[in-house]
Protein backbone atom coordinates (compact mmCIF):
# COMPACT_ATOMS: atom_id res chain seq x y z
CA UNK A 1 13.22 -8.17 13.54
CA UNK A 2 9.56 -8.91 13.18
CA UNK A 3 8.47 -12.44 12.37
CA UNK A 4 7.91 -13.18 8.77
CA UNK A 5 4.21 -14.04 9.28
CA UNK A 6 3.53 -10.67 10.81
CA UNK A 7 5.00 -8.92 7.73
CA UNK A 8 2.99 -11.08 5.45
CA UNK A 9 -0.24 -10.45 7.50
CA UNK A 10 0.39 -6.61 7.28
CA UNK A 11 1.08 -6.88 3.54
CA UNK A 12 -2.21 -8.79 3.03
CA UNK A 13 -4.01 -6.14 5.01
CA UNK A 14 -2.51 -3.32 3.02
CA UNK A 15 -3.42 -5.12 -0.28
CA UNK A 16 -6.99 -5.60 0.82
CA UNK A 17 -7.46 -1.92 1.84
CA UNK A 18 -5.78 -0.63 -1.33
CA UNK A 19 -8.24 -2.71 -3.26
CA UNK A 20 -11.12 -1.54 -1.16
CA UNK A 21 -10.16 2.15 -1.64
CA UNK A 22 -9.64 1.61 -5.48
CA UNK A 23 -13.08 0.02 -5.74
CA UNK A 24 -14.57 2.82 -3.74
CA UNK A 25 -13.06 5.42 -5.92
CA UNK A 26 -14.47 3.71 -8.99
CA UNK A 27 -17.87 3.57 -7.28
CA UNK A 28 -17.67 7.30 -6.61
CA UNK A 29 -16.48 8.18 -10.07
CA UNK A 30 -16.82 5.26 -12.51
CA UNK A 31 -15.11 7.21 -15.38
CA UNK A 32 -12.03 7.92 -13.37
CA UNK A 33 -8.71 6.10 -13.86
CA UNK A 34 -7.37 4.62 -10.59
CA UNK A 35 -3.83 3.66 -9.91
CA UNK A 36 -2.71 1.66 -6.79
CA UNK A 37 0.71 1.35 -5.42
CA UNK A 38 1.79 -0.76 -2.46
CA UNK A 39 5.19 0.91 -2.26
CA UNK A 40 5.92 2.27 1.15
CA UNK A 41 7.52 5.69 1.85
CA UNK A 42 8.41 6.55 5.37
CA UNK A 43 5.28 6.03 7.38
CA UNK A 44 2.91 5.45 4.42
CA UNK A 45 1.72 1.95 3.66
CA UNK A 46 0.50 2.60 0.05
CA UNK A 47 -1.09 5.04 -2.33
CA UNK A 48 -4.28 5.40 -4.37
CA UNK A 49 -4.16 7.94 -7.12
CA UNK A 50 -7.38 8.87 -8.86
CA UNK A 51 -7.53 10.70 -12.24
CA UNK A 52 -11.07 11.89 -12.83
CA UNK A 53 -12.22 12.99 -16.27
CA UNK A 54 -11.42 16.63 -17.26
CA UNK A 55 -15.18 17.16 -17.57
CA UNK A 56 -15.72 16.60 -13.85
CA UNK A 57 -16.51 19.90 -12.10
CA UNK A 58 -14.16 21.40 -9.52
CA UNK A 59 -16.79 20.92 -6.77
CA UNK A 60 -17.21 17.25 -7.73
CA UNK A 61 -13.51 16.80 -7.74
CA UNK A 62 -13.35 18.38 -4.20
CA UNK A 63 -16.15 16.14 -3.03
CA UNK A 64 -14.40 13.05 -4.42
CA UNK A 65 -11.13 13.93 -2.74
CA UNK A 66 -12.80 14.64 0.67
CA UNK A 67 -14.76 11.45 0.57
CA UNK A 68 -11.75 9.33 -0.29
CA UNK A 69 -9.70 11.12 2.47
CA UNK A 70 -12.51 10.41 5.00
CA UNK A 71 -12.45 6.60 4.05
CA UNK A 72 -8.70 6.51 4.25
CA UNK A 73 -8.89 8.17 7.66
CA UNK A 74 -11.45 5.50 8.81
CA UNK A 75 -9.18 2.83 7.65
CA UNK A 76 -6.29 4.31 9.66
CA UNK A 77 -8.39 4.62 12.73
CA UNK A 78 -9.50 0.96 12.51
CA UNK A 79 -6.22 -0.65 11.25
CA UNK A 80 -3.34 1.80 11.72
CA UNK A 81 -2.71 1.53 7.94
CA UNK A 82 -1.80 4.81 6.38
CA UNK A 83 -2.86 4.76 2.84
CA UNK A 84 -2.57 8.13 0.93
CA UNK A 85 -5.26 9.03 -1.52
CA UNK A 86 -4.73 11.65 -4.14
CA UNK A 87 -7.15 13.00 -6.68
CA UNK A 88 -5.06 14.30 -9.62
CA UNK A 89 -5.40 16.17 -12.82
CA UNK A 90 -5.47 13.64 -15.71
CA UNK A 91 -3.31 16.00 -17.75
CA UNK A 92 -0.49 15.60 -15.06
CA UNK A 93 -0.32 11.87 -15.78
């Protein structure tokens, strides 16, 4: 069993990176709604779901998704934290 402080340190790191990704998503698309979840599933450490406005073009949605995925991959490379980012249709909410 891992010591309590290691779990606490990891949770703190996950929370910081979730916040970083959420703020980055809002920077990229200020009119988007952003949901953050620290719930872990299998090997995932958390989730960021971005709901851009319906008026955003498909190419801008694709660019947003790729940019967030790249940042998430950088975080994984530097920290080992696997945070899933998804850009979803606001109507599916």
